[in-house]
Amino acid sequence: MGTDEFVKALGQAIQAQRRACGLTQEALAEAIDSSAEWISQVERGVGCPSIPTLVVIASALDVTPDVLLADAAATDASAERVELRAQVHRLDDGAVRVLLATAKAMNDAK
């Protein structure tokens, strides 16, 4: 994965986590003392946050920076898979167990 692809994937990961939190671009921008226009650029892969800014973004999204970086680096980084990982991250342990059992059953049914 090249730099441009990674920057775009990082933007998608940030967008997925933002949506999973139920935040608008404006709300995230306010939380990190930035602008909605800049958040839009990051989410589209036009801009890239610095490491310190990535830490602030992650904190505002209630995740650690490694979650965003791992989603960006994933080889299966389709928008749906990134969104699914963002949603799963927010589940409690009981819900994760139910989801895991469901996924196993779906795979066994193939």
C-alpha atoms as a PDB file:
ATOM      1  CA  MET A   1       0.000   0.000   0.000  1.00  0.00           C
ATOM      2  CA  GLY A   2       1.414   3.344  -1.030  1.00  0.00           C
ATOM      3  CA  THR A   3       1.274   6.563   0.929  1.00  0.00           C
ATOM      4  CA  ASP A   4      -1.660   8.002  -1.016  1.00  0.00           C
ATOM      5  CA  GLU A   5      -3.686   4.830  -0.499  1.00  0.00           C
ATOM      6  CA  PHE A   6      -2.866   4.793   3.212  1.00  0.00           C
ATOM      7  CA  VAL A   7      -3.882   8.435   3.662  1.00  0.00           C
ATOM      8  CA  LYS A   8      -7.193   7.724   1.923  1.00  0.00           C
ATOM      9  CA  ALA A   9      -7.743   4.594   4.046  1.00  0.00           C
ATOM     10  CA  LEU A  10      -6.945   6.547   7.219  1.00  0.00           C
ATOM     11  CA  GLY A  11      -9.552   9.123   6.237  1.00  0.00           C
ATOM     12  CA  GLN A  12     -12.102   6.346   5.706  1.00  0.00           C
ATOM     13  CA  ALA A  13     -11.261   4.897   9.124  1.00  0.00           C
ATOM     14  CA  ILE A  14     -11.731   8.284  10.781  1.00  0.00           C
ATOM     15  CA  GLN A  15     -15.020   8.775   8.955  1.00  0.00           C
ATOM     16  CA  ALA A  16     -16.285   5.334   9.982  1.00  0.00           C
ATOM     17  CA  GLN A  17     -15.421   5.927  13.629  1.00  0.00           C
ATOM     18  CA  ARG A  18     -16.984   9.401  13.520  1.00  0.00           C
ATOM     19  CA  ARG A  19     -20.200   7.974  12.125  1.00  0.00           C
ATOM     20  CA  ALA A  20     -20.168   5.124  14.649  1.00  0.00           C
ATOM     21  CA  CYS A  21     -20.016   7.796  17.370  1.00  0.00           C
ATOM     22  CA  GLY A  22     -22.951   9.597  15.803  1.00  0.00           C
ATOM     23  CA  LEU A  23     -20.902  12.739  15.236  1.00  0.00           C
ATOM     24  CA  THR A  24     -21.131  15.158  12.347  1.00  0.00           C
ATOM     25  CA  GLN A  25     -18.002  16.571  10.773  1.00  0.00           C
ATOM     26  CA  GLU A  26     -18.866  19.840  12.474  1.00  0.00           C
ATOM     27  CA  ALA A  27     -19.101  18.208  15.911  1.00  0.00           C
ATOM     28  CA  LEU A  28     -15.776  16.413  15.471  1.00  0.00           C
ATOM     29  CA  ALA A  29     -14.161  19.615  14.245  1.00  0.00           C
ATOM     30  CA  GLU A  30     -15.418  21.465  17.300  1.00  0.00           C
ATOM     31  CA  ALA A  31     -14.186  18.710  19.608  1.00  0.00           C
ATOM     32  CA  ILE A  32     -10.656  18.935  18.207  1.00  0.00           C
ATOM     33  CA  ASP A  33     -10.638  22.713  17.674  1.00  0.00           C
ATOM     34  CA  SER A  34     -10.519  22.490  13.885  1.00  0.00           C
ATOM     35  CA  SER A  35     -12.837  23.131  10.951  1.00  0.00           C
ATOM     36  CA  ALA A  36     -15.402  20.907   9.290  1.00  0.00           C
ATOM     37  CA  GLU A  37     -13.721  21.660   5.969  1.00  0.00           C
ATOM     38  CA  TRP A  38     -10.448  20.191   7.232  1.00  0.00           C
ATOM     39  CA  ILE A  39     -12.236  17.107   8.623  1.00  0.00           C
ATOM     40  CA  SER A  40     -13.810  16.658   5.192  1.00  0.00           C
ATOM     41  CA  GLN A  41     -10.401  16.865   3.534  1.00  0.00           C
ATOM     42  CA  VAL A  42      -8.977  14.276   5.922  1.00  0.00           C
ATOM     43  CA  GLU A  43     -11.906  11.918   5.404  1.00  0.00           C
ATOM     44  CA  ARG A  44     -11.519  12.185   1.624  1.00  0.00           C
ATOM     45  CA  GLY A  45      -7.778  11.558   1.826  1.00  0.00           C
ATOM     46  CA  VAL A  46      -6.933  15.040   0.565  1.00  0.00           C
ATOM     47  CA  GLY A  47      -5.357  16.010   3.888  1.00  0.00           C
ATOM     48  CA  CYS A  48      -3.541  13.966   6.489  1.00  0.00           C
ATOM     49  CA  PRO A  49      -3.402  14.679  10.221  1.00  0.00           C
ATOM     50  CA  SER A  50      -0.079  14.880  12.021  1.00  0.00           C
ATOM     51  CA  ILE A  51       0.592  12.261  14.688  1.00  0.00           C
ATOM     52  CA  PRO A  52      -0.317  14.640  17.547  1.00  0.00           C
ATOM     53  CA  THR A  53      -3.537  15.590  15.745  1.00  0.00           C
ATOM     54  CA  LEU A  54      -4.325  11.919  15.087  1.00  0.00           C
ATOM     55  CA  VAL A  55      -4.064  11.330  18.850  1.00  0.00           C
ATOM     56  CA  VAL A  56      -6.522  14.181  19.468  1.00  0.00           C
ATOM     57  CA  ILE A  57      -8.920  12.867  16.792  1.00  0.00           C
ATOM     58  CA  ALA A  58      -8.769   9.346  18.227  1.00  0.00           C
ATOM     59  CA  SER A  59      -9.479  10.657  21.713  1.00  0.00           C
ATOM     60  CA  ALA A  60     -12.488  12.614  20.448  1.00  0.00           C
ATOM     61  CA  LEU A  61     -13.727   9.407  18.791  1.00  0.00           C
ATOM     62  CA  ASP A  62     -13.171   7.416  21.999  1.00  0.00           C
ATOM     63  CA  VAL A  63     -10.615   5.069  20.412  1.00  0.00           C
ATOM     64  CA  THR A  64      -6.855   4.815  20.496  1.00  0.00           C
ATOM     65  CA  PRO A  65      -4.793   5.905  17.500  1.00  0.00           C
ATOM     66  CA  ASP A  66      -3.791   2.289  16.833  1.00  0.00           C
ATOM     67  CA  VAL A  67      -7.434   1.445  16.073  1.00  0.00           C
ATOM     68  CA  LEU A  68      -7.520   4.075  13.327  1.00  0.00           C
ATOM     69  CA  LEU A  69      -4.107   3.060  11.999  1.00  0.00           C
ATOM     70  CA  ALA A  70      -4.986  -0.651  12.022  1.00  0.00           C
ATOM     71  CA  ASP A  71      -8.199   0.018  10.106  1.00  0.00           C
ATOM     72  CA  ALA A  72      -6.262   2.106   7.594  1.00  0.00           C
ATOM     73  CA  ALA A  73      -3.604  -0.585   7.157  1.00  0.00           C
ATOM     74  CA  ALA A  74      -6.072  -3.446   6.787  1.00  0.00           C
ATOM     75  CA  THR A  75      -5.854  -5.124   3.421  1.00  0.00           C
ATOM     76  CA  ASP A  76      -9.639  -5.536   3.389  1.00  0.00           C
ATOM     77  CA  ALA A  77     -10.315  -1.848   3.911  1.00  0.00           C
ATOM     78  CA  SER A  78     -13.605  -1.634   2.024  1.00  0.00           C
ATOM     79  CA  ALA A  79     -15.884   1.025   3.446  1.00  0.00           C
ATOM     80  CA  GLU A  80     -18.255  -1.635   4.773  1.00  0.00           C
ATOM     81  CA  ARG A  81     -15.504  -3.544   6.596  1.00  0.00           C
ATOM     82  CA  VAL A  82     -14.110  -0.368   8.132  1.00  0.00           C
ATOM     83  CA  GLU A  83     -17.617   0.635   9.255  1.00  0.00           C
ATOM     84  CA  LEU A  84     -18.200  -2.847  10.688  1.00  0.00           C
ATOM     85  CA  ARG A  85     -14.953  -2.706  12.684  1.00  0.00           C
ATOM     86  CA  ALA A  86     -15.943   0.745  13.967  1.00  0.00           C
ATOM     87  CA  GLN A  87     -19.317  -0.537  15.113  1.00  0.00           C
ATOM     88  CA  VAL A  88     -17.860  -3.701  16.684  1.00  0.00           C
ATOM     89  CA  HIS A  89     -15.323  -1.638  18.612  1.00  0.00           C
ATOM     90  CA  ARG A  90     -18.194   0.096  20.419  1.00  0.00           C
ATOM     91  CA  LEU A  91     -19.941  -3.121  21.545  1.00  0.00           C
ATOM     92  CA  ASP A  92     -19.721  -4.479  25.064  1.00  0.00           C
ATOM     93  CA  ASP A  93     -18.268  -7.957  25.659  1.00  0.00           C
ATOM     94  CA  GLY A  94     -21.656  -9.682  25.709  1.00  0.00           C
ATOM     95  CA  ALA A  95     -22.644  -8.197  22.370  1.00  0.00           C
ATOM     96  CA  VAL A  96     -19.256  -9.159  20.889  1.00  0.00           C
ATOM     97  CA  ARG A  97     -19.841 -12.788  21.952  1.00  0.00           C
ATOM     98  CA  VAL A  98     -23.266 -12.778  20.279  1.00  0.00           C
ATOM     99  CA  LEU A  99     -21.848 -11.220  17.134  1.00  0.00           C
ATOM    100  CA  LEU A 100     -18.986 -13.728  17.051  1.00  0.00           C
ATOM    101  CA  ALA A 101     -21.386 -16.672  17.417  1.00  0.00           C
ATOM    102  CA  THR A 102     -23.540 -15.224  14.632  1.00  0.00           C
ATOM    103  CA  ALA A 103     -20.554 -14.761  12.320  1.00  0.00           C
ATOM    104  CA  LYS A 104     -19.399 -18.333  13.001  1.00  0.00           C
ATOM    105  CA  ALA A 105     -22.875 -19.675  12.259  1.00  0.00           C
ATOM    106  CA  MET A 106     -23.039 -17.688   9.025  1.00  0.00           C
ATOM    107  CA  ASN A 107     -19.662 -19.065   7.923  1.00  0.00           C
ATOM    108  CA  ASP A 108     -20.636 -22.624   8.846  1.00  0.00           C
ATOM    109  CA  ALA A 109     -23.793 -22.290   6.774  1.00  0.00           C
ATOM    110  CA  LYS A 110     -21.813 -21.597   3.598  1.00  0.00           C
END
